N, C-alpha and C. Protein backbone atom coordinates (compact mmCIF):
# COMPACT_ATOMS: atom_id res chain seq x y z
N MET A 1 0.93 -1.34 0.11
CA MET A 1 -0.36 -0.26 -0.07
C MET A 1 1.25 1.49 -0.08
N PHE A 2 1.92 1.47 0.83
CA PHE A 2 2.73 2.30 1.04
C PHE A 2 4.36 2.35 -0.41
N THR A 3 4.52 3.24 -0.46
CA THR A 3 5.60 3.27 -1.26
C THR A 3 7.14 3.63 -0.27
N HIS A 4 6.70 4.17 0.80
CA HIS A 4 7.46 4.92 1.33
C HIS A 4 6.97 5.93 2.72
N VAL A 5 7.76 6.09 3.83
CA VAL A 5 7.23 6.88 5.48
C VAL A 5 8.08 8.40 5.20
N MET A 6 7.47 9.41 4.88
CA MET A 6 8.71 10.77 4.45
C MET A 6 8.47 11.05 6.19
N ILE A 7 9.95 11.65 7.20
CA ILE A 7 9.20 12.57 8.26
C ILE A 7 10.52 14.02 7.99
N GLY A 8 9.87 14.59 8.97
CA GLY A 8 11.16 16.01 8.90
C GLY A 8 12.44 14.78 10.11
N SER A 9 13.11 16.26 9.36
CA SER A 9 14.17 16.50 10.94
C SER A 9 14.89 17.86 10.55
N ASN A 10 15.60 18.72 11.49
CA ASN A 10 15.68 19.29 11.72
C ASN A 10 17.60 19.59 11.23
N ASP A 11 17.79 18.00 11.81
CA ASP A 11 19.52 18.25 11.99
C ASP A 11 19.05 16.37 11.39
N LEU A 12 19.96 16.65 9.97
CA LEU A 12 20.18 15.72 9.45
C LEU A 12 21.61 14.49 9.29
N GLU A 13 22.40 14.85 10.18
CA GLU A 13 23.71 14.77 10.43
C GLU A 13 22.92 13.40 12.09
N ARG A 14 22.38 14.18 13.03
CA ARG A 14 22.02 13.77 14.11
C ARG A 14 20.84 13.07 14.32
N ALA A 15 20.14 13.05 12.96
CA ALA A 15 18.99 12.02 12.16
C ALA A 15 19.51 11.04 11.76
N ARG A 16 21.00 10.94 11.38
CA ARG A 16 21.92 9.60 10.67
C ARG A 16 22.38 8.60 11.87
N ALA A 17 23.01 9.76 12.57
CA ALA A 17 23.37 8.39 13.58
C ALA A 17 22.47 7.42 14.85
N PHE A 18 21.34 8.47 14.88
CA PHE A 18 20.27 7.90 15.39
C PHE A 18 20.21 6.64 14.82
N TYR A 19 19.27 6.76 13.29
CA TYR A 19 18.40 5.48 12.54
C TYR A 19 19.95 4.61 11.98
N ASP A 20 21.10 5.34 11.77
CA ASP A 20 21.87 4.39 11.41
C ASP A 20 22.48 3.91 12.96
N ALA A 21 22.54 4.05 13.89
CA ALA A 21 22.51 3.10 14.68
C ALA A 21 21.64 1.94 14.71
N THR A 22 20.35 2.14 15.06
CA THR A 22 19.02 1.46 15.00
C THR A 22 18.80 0.19 13.97
N PHE A 23 19.02 0.97 12.93
CA PHE A 23 18.80 -0.26 12.10
C PHE A 23 19.77 -0.86 11.99
N ALA A 24 20.71 -1.04 12.10
CA ALA A 24 21.99 -1.52 12.52
C ALA A 24 21.90 -2.63 13.51
N ALA A 25 20.46 -1.77 14.33
CA ALA A 25 20.36 -2.79 15.99
C ALA A 25 19.70 -4.02 14.78
N LEU A 26 18.81 -3.88 14.02
CA LEU A 26 18.04 -4.83 13.08
C LEU A 26 18.69 -5.52 12.06
N GLY A 27 19.97 -4.99 11.44
CA GLY A 27 20.14 -5.84 10.65
C GLY A 27 20.58 -4.68 9.14
N GLY A 28 19.62 -3.53 9.20
CA GLY A 28 19.91 -2.83 7.99
C GLY A 28 20.78 -1.91 8.11
N GLU A 29 21.47 -1.68 6.86
CA GLU A 29 22.70 -0.87 6.45
C GLU A 29 22.17 0.87 6.58
N PRO A 30 23.25 1.03 6.76
CA PRO A 30 23.72 3.15 7.22
C PRO A 30 22.70 3.48 5.89
N GLY A 31 22.07 4.70 6.31
CA GLY A 31 21.32 5.43 5.10
C GLY A 31 22.01 6.08 4.14
N GLU A 32 21.29 6.33 3.07
CA GLU A 32 22.54 6.92 1.98
C GLU A 32 21.97 8.62 2.15
N MET A 33 22.57 9.38 1.58
CA MET A 33 21.91 11.17 0.90
C MET A 33 21.17 10.40 -0.42
N ASP A 34 20.47 10.93 -0.32
CA ASP A 34 20.11 10.97 -2.16
C ASP A 34 20.84 12.61 -3.09
N ALA A 35 20.56 12.79 -4.45
CA ALA A 35 21.49 14.30 -4.84
C ALA A 35 20.22 15.22 -4.20
N ARG A 36 19.11 14.69 -3.84
CA ARG A 36 18.33 16.20 -2.91
C ARG A 36 18.52 16.62 -1.44
N GLY A 37 19.17 15.97 -1.39
CA GLY A 37 19.87 16.22 0.84
C GLY A 37 18.56 15.48 0.80
N ARG A 38 18.23 14.12 0.48
CA ARG A 38 17.55 13.43 1.72
C ARG A 38 18.27 12.11 1.62
N LEU A 39 17.96 11.67 2.95
CA LEU A 39 18.60 10.61 3.99
C LEU A 39 17.45 9.24 3.87
N ILE A 40 18.04 8.57 3.76
CA ILE A 40 17.56 7.05 2.89
C ILE A 40 17.77 6.02 3.31
N TYR A 41 16.72 4.80 3.61
CA TYR A 41 16.53 3.59 4.49
C TYR A 41 15.90 3.15 3.63
N VAL A 42 16.80 1.91 3.30
CA VAL A 42 16.07 0.28 2.63
C VAL A 42 15.98 -0.51 2.97
N HIS A 43 15.61 -1.35 3.16
CA HIS A 43 15.46 -2.71 4.28
C HIS A 43 14.27 -3.03 3.77
N LYS A 44 14.73 -4.71 3.12
CA LYS A 44 13.18 -5.98 2.95
C LYS A 44 11.96 -5.05 2.12
N GLY A 45 12.39 -4.27 1.43
CA GLY A 45 11.55 -3.91 0.64
C GLY A 45 10.63 -2.62 1.18
N GLY A 46 11.10 -1.71 2.54
CA GLY A 46 10.63 -0.95 3.46
C GLY A 46 11.72 0.81 2.90
N ARG A 47 10.50 1.36 2.85
CA ARG A 47 11.90 2.64 2.57
C ARG A 47 11.70 3.78 4.00
N LEU A 48 12.39 4.41 4.61
CA LEU A 48 12.23 4.96 5.40
C LEU A 48 13.43 6.41 4.96
N MET A 49 12.71 7.89 4.63
CA MET A 49 13.25 9.20 3.84
C MET A 49 13.09 10.03 5.69
N ILE A 50 13.98 10.66 5.37
CA ILE A 50 14.01 11.58 6.44
C ILE A 50 14.90 13.28 5.82
N THR A 51 14.00 14.13 5.79
CA THR A 51 14.92 15.08 4.86
C THR A 51 13.57 16.50 5.66
N LYS A 52 15.13 18.11 5.43
CA LYS A 52 14.47 19.33 6.36
C LYS A 52 13.18 19.31 4.86
N PRO A 53 12.48 20.07 6.24
CA PRO A 53 10.68 20.40 5.47
C PRO A 53 11.41 20.96 4.36
N ILE A 54 10.59 20.76 3.21
CA ILE A 54 10.93 22.09 1.76
C ILE A 54 10.47 23.01 2.26
N ASP A 55 9.48 23.13 2.68
CA ASP A 55 9.40 25.13 2.94
C ASP A 55 9.69 25.90 3.84
N GLY A 56 11.13 24.80 4.07
CA GLY A 56 11.65 26.37 5.22
C GLY A 56 11.11 26.67 6.84
N ASN A 57 9.94 25.58 6.95
CA ASN A 57 9.79 25.67 8.14
C ASN A 57 10.48 24.61 9.26
N PRO A 58 10.59 24.64 10.67
CA PRO A 58 11.24 23.78 10.77
C PRO A 58 10.02 22.84 10.89
N ALA A 59 10.98 21.32 11.07
CA ALA A 59 10.33 19.77 11.18
C ALA A 59 9.73 19.61 12.79
N THR A 60 8.45 19.11 12.31
CA THR A 60 7.48 19.05 13.74
C THR A 60 7.33 17.44 13.42
N ALA A 61 7.43 16.32 14.93
CA ALA A 61 6.62 15.56 14.84
C ALA A 61 5.42 15.26 14.86
N ALA A 62 4.77 13.85 14.06
CA ALA A 62 2.92 13.70 13.89
C ALA A 62 2.59 13.96 15.58
N ASN A 63 1.97 14.52 16.29
CA ASN A 63 1.11 14.16 17.07
C ASN A 63 -0.03 13.09 16.83
N GLY A 64 0.24 12.26 17.73
CA GLY A 64 -0.18 10.89 17.39
C GLY A 64 -0.01 9.44 16.75
N GLY A 65 0.89 9.53 15.72
CA GLY A 65 1.26 9.26 14.91
C GLY A 65 2.64 8.58 15.86
N THR A 66 2.39 7.42 14.76
CA THR A 66 3.49 6.12 15.38
C THR A 66 4.40 5.65 13.70
N ILE A 67 5.82 5.02 14.11
CA ILE A 67 6.40 4.48 12.44
C ILE A 67 6.24 3.02 13.86
N GLY A 68 5.26 2.01 12.83
CA GLY A 68 6.23 0.66 13.46
C GLY A 68 7.41 0.27 12.46
N ILE A 69 8.59 -0.59 13.07
CA ILE A 69 9.71 -1.35 12.53
C ILE A 69 9.43 -2.74 12.98
N VAL A 70 9.48 -3.15 12.02
CA VAL A 70 9.21 -5.02 11.73
C VAL A 70 10.87 -5.30 12.71
N ALA A 71 10.43 -6.14 13.76
CA ALA A 71 11.77 -6.53 14.78
C ALA A 71 11.60 -8.06 14.24
N ALA A 72 13.16 -8.84 13.89
CA ALA A 72 13.44 -10.13 13.54
C ALA A 72 12.88 -11.06 15.40
N SER A 73 13.30 -10.73 16.10
CA SER A 73 13.38 -11.36 17.71
C SER A 73 13.00 -10.50 18.68
N ARG A 74 13.08 -11.67 19.63
CA ARG A 74 13.09 -10.09 20.60
C ARG A 74 14.47 -9.17 20.99
N ASP A 75 15.63 -10.18 21.14
CA ASP A 75 16.74 -9.57 20.73
C ASP A 75 16.68 -8.62 20.00
N HIS A 76 16.94 -8.15 19.10
CA HIS A 76 16.17 -7.38 17.88
C HIS A 76 16.12 -6.02 18.85
N VAL A 77 14.23 -6.33 19.37
CA VAL A 77 13.67 -5.06 19.97
C VAL A 77 14.80 -4.28 20.77
N LEU A 78 15.63 -4.90 22.17
CA LEU A 78 16.34 -4.53 23.06
C LEU A 78 17.54 -4.40 21.81
N ALA A 79 18.36 -4.90 21.09
CA ALA A 79 19.07 -3.79 20.71
C ALA A 79 18.69 -2.72 19.80
N TRP A 80 17.80 -2.25 19.01
CA TRP A 80 17.03 -1.37 18.87
C TRP A 80 16.77 -0.33 19.46
N HIS A 81 15.96 -1.06 20.74
CA HIS A 81 16.26 -0.11 21.62
C HIS A 81 17.49 0.82 22.72
N GLU A 82 18.51 -0.11 23.13
CA GLU A 82 19.41 0.57 23.48
C GLU A 82 20.16 0.94 22.42
N ALA A 83 20.27 1.38 21.10
CA ALA A 83 20.93 1.49 20.51
C ALA A 83 20.53 3.13 20.01
N GLY A 84 18.91 2.97 20.42
CA GLY A 84 18.62 4.30 20.19
C GLY A 84 18.68 5.01 21.07
N THR A 85 18.39 4.62 22.52
CA THR A 85 18.38 5.52 23.23
C THR A 85 19.83 6.11 23.24
N THR A 86 21.73 5.35 23.45
CA THR A 86 22.51 5.60 23.15
C THR A 86 22.79 6.60 22.35
N HIS A 87 22.12 6.94 20.96
CA HIS A 87 22.44 7.60 20.03
C HIS A 87 21.01 8.58 19.94
N GLY A 88 20.84 9.41 21.13
CA GLY A 88 19.75 10.47 21.18
C GLY A 88 18.58 9.95 20.92
N GLY A 89 17.71 8.84 21.19
CA GLY A 89 16.64 8.88 21.24
C GLY A 89 15.78 8.96 23.02
N THR A 90 14.74 8.63 22.69
CA THR A 90 14.67 8.80 24.29
C THR A 90 13.47 7.64 24.65
N ALA A 91 13.53 7.16 25.63
CA ALA A 91 12.25 6.03 25.48
C ALA A 91 11.15 6.18 26.19
N ILE A 92 9.90 5.61 25.93
CA ILE A 92 8.85 6.13 25.91
C ILE A 92 8.51 5.35 26.41
N GLU A 93 6.44 4.92 27.01
CA GLU A 93 5.42 4.35 27.54
C GLU A 93 6.34 3.82 28.27
N SER A 94 5.98 2.49 28.33
CA SER A 94 6.64 1.22 28.91
C SER A 94 7.62 0.51 28.29
N PRO A 95 8.61 0.02 29.26
CA PRO A 95 9.65 -0.32 28.74
C PRO A 95 9.97 -1.76 28.38
N PRO A 96 10.11 -1.61 27.47
CA PRO A 96 10.61 -2.74 26.75
C PRO A 96 9.92 -3.90 26.90
N SER A 97 8.73 -4.91 26.19
CA SER A 97 8.03 -5.96 26.75
C SER A 97 7.02 -6.65 25.99
N GLU A 98 6.86 -7.69 26.53
CA GLU A 98 6.03 -8.99 25.42
C GLU A 98 4.20 -8.12 25.94
N ARG A 99 3.68 -8.21 24.30
CA ARG A 99 2.78 -7.72 24.67
C ARG A 99 1.34 -9.49 24.89
N PRO A 100 0.25 -9.18 25.39
CA PRO A 100 -1.26 -10.54 25.24
C PRO A 100 -0.50 -11.41 24.38
N ASN A 101 -0.50 -10.80 22.88
CA ASN A 101 -0.22 -11.85 21.74
C ASN A 101 1.04 -11.94 21.67
N GLY A 102 2.15 -12.21 22.32
CA GLY A 102 3.22 -12.47 22.51
C GLY A 102 4.86 -12.04 21.16
N ALA A 103 4.00 -10.25 21.00
CA ALA A 103 4.95 -9.09 20.14
C ALA A 103 6.05 -8.72 21.26
N PHE A 104 7.05 -9.01 20.90
CA PHE A 104 8.22 -8.15 21.93
C PHE A 104 7.78 -6.97 21.77
N VAL A 105 8.10 -5.52 22.02
CA VAL A 105 7.56 -4.09 21.22
C VAL A 105 8.51 -3.39 22.39
N ALA A 106 9.48 -2.28 21.64
CA ALA A 106 9.46 -1.42 22.41
C ALA A 106 9.49 -0.03 21.62
N TYR A 107 8.78 1.27 22.18
CA TYR A 107 8.60 2.69 22.09
C TYR A 107 10.26 3.47 22.65
N LEU A 108 10.19 4.60 21.57
CA LEU A 108 11.37 5.10 21.17
C LEU A 108 10.67 6.75 20.69
N ARG A 109 11.10 8.01 21.28
CA ARG A 109 11.07 9.11 19.42
C ARG A 109 12.53 9.31 19.48
N ASP A 110 13.05 9.82 18.04
CA ASP A 110 14.01 9.94 17.84
C ASP A 110 14.27 11.14 18.32
N PRO A 111 15.33 11.35 18.04
CA PRO A 111 16.41 13.35 18.06
C PRO A 111 14.91 14.18 17.84
N ASP A 112 14.36 14.16 16.54
CA ASP A 112 13.34 15.57 16.18
C ASP A 112 12.07 14.92 16.93
N GLY A 113 11.78 13.81 17.99
CA GLY A 113 10.15 13.97 18.84
C GLY A 113 9.62 12.75 17.71
N ASN A 114 9.94 12.22 16.72
CA ASN A 114 9.08 11.30 15.92
C ASN A 114 9.00 9.81 17.14
N LYS A 115 7.55 9.32 16.96
CA LYS A 115 7.63 8.32 17.83
C LYS A 115 7.84 7.13 16.87
N LEU A 116 8.50 6.15 17.36
CA LEU A 116 8.90 5.40 16.70
C LEU A 116 8.75 3.67 17.47
N THR A 117 8.79 2.52 17.18
CA THR A 117 8.05 1.10 17.50
C THR A 117 8.76 0.10 17.28
N ALA A 118 9.19 -0.56 17.63
CA ALA A 118 9.82 -1.88 16.71
C ALA A 118 9.35 -3.19 17.95
N ARG A 119 8.98 -4.00 17.00
CA ARG A 119 8.51 -5.48 17.67
C ARG A 119 8.55 -5.85 16.43
N SER A 120 8.20 -7.51 17.61
CA SER A 120 8.59 -8.66 16.95
C SER A 120 7.44 -9.24 16.08
N GLN A 121 7.21 -10.20 16.17
CA GLN A 121 6.10 -10.80 15.06
C GLN A 121 5.22 -11.49 16.39
N PRO A 122 3.87 -11.35 16.16
CA PRO A 122 3.38 -11.80 17.73
C PRO A 122 3.26 -13.17 17.68
N THR A 123 3.70 -14.47 18.79
CA THR A 123 3.18 -15.57 18.44
C THR A 123 2.14 -15.98 19.31
N LYS A 124 1.35 -15.84 19.44
CA LYS A 124 -0.13 -16.31 19.53
C LYS A 124 -1.55 -15.66 18.84
């Protein structure tokens, strides 16, 4: 259904440090800057793009929005969470935990305030 998710950042190098670390924890590759100055991550058919807003106004996080990222296992979720908090992210909501359906979930805000979750597949 989606071709990509694009979010804004006020500091692309800070965003790159955060996303390179969190995606590496999930087995992904570092992001690449395209000719238009957008930071792009591609992994298993998914595409996340990070850019400074083209209207010149500051980037802001979506109120009520969450970007969900698939993790292969509980250990990947924990590694993602650790990488994120080490590289400028903020742990939010509950600590990483198992849900009633067996999925293991963690939540972070990236350095620009975007809400992210990494979760393993449900087991029930």
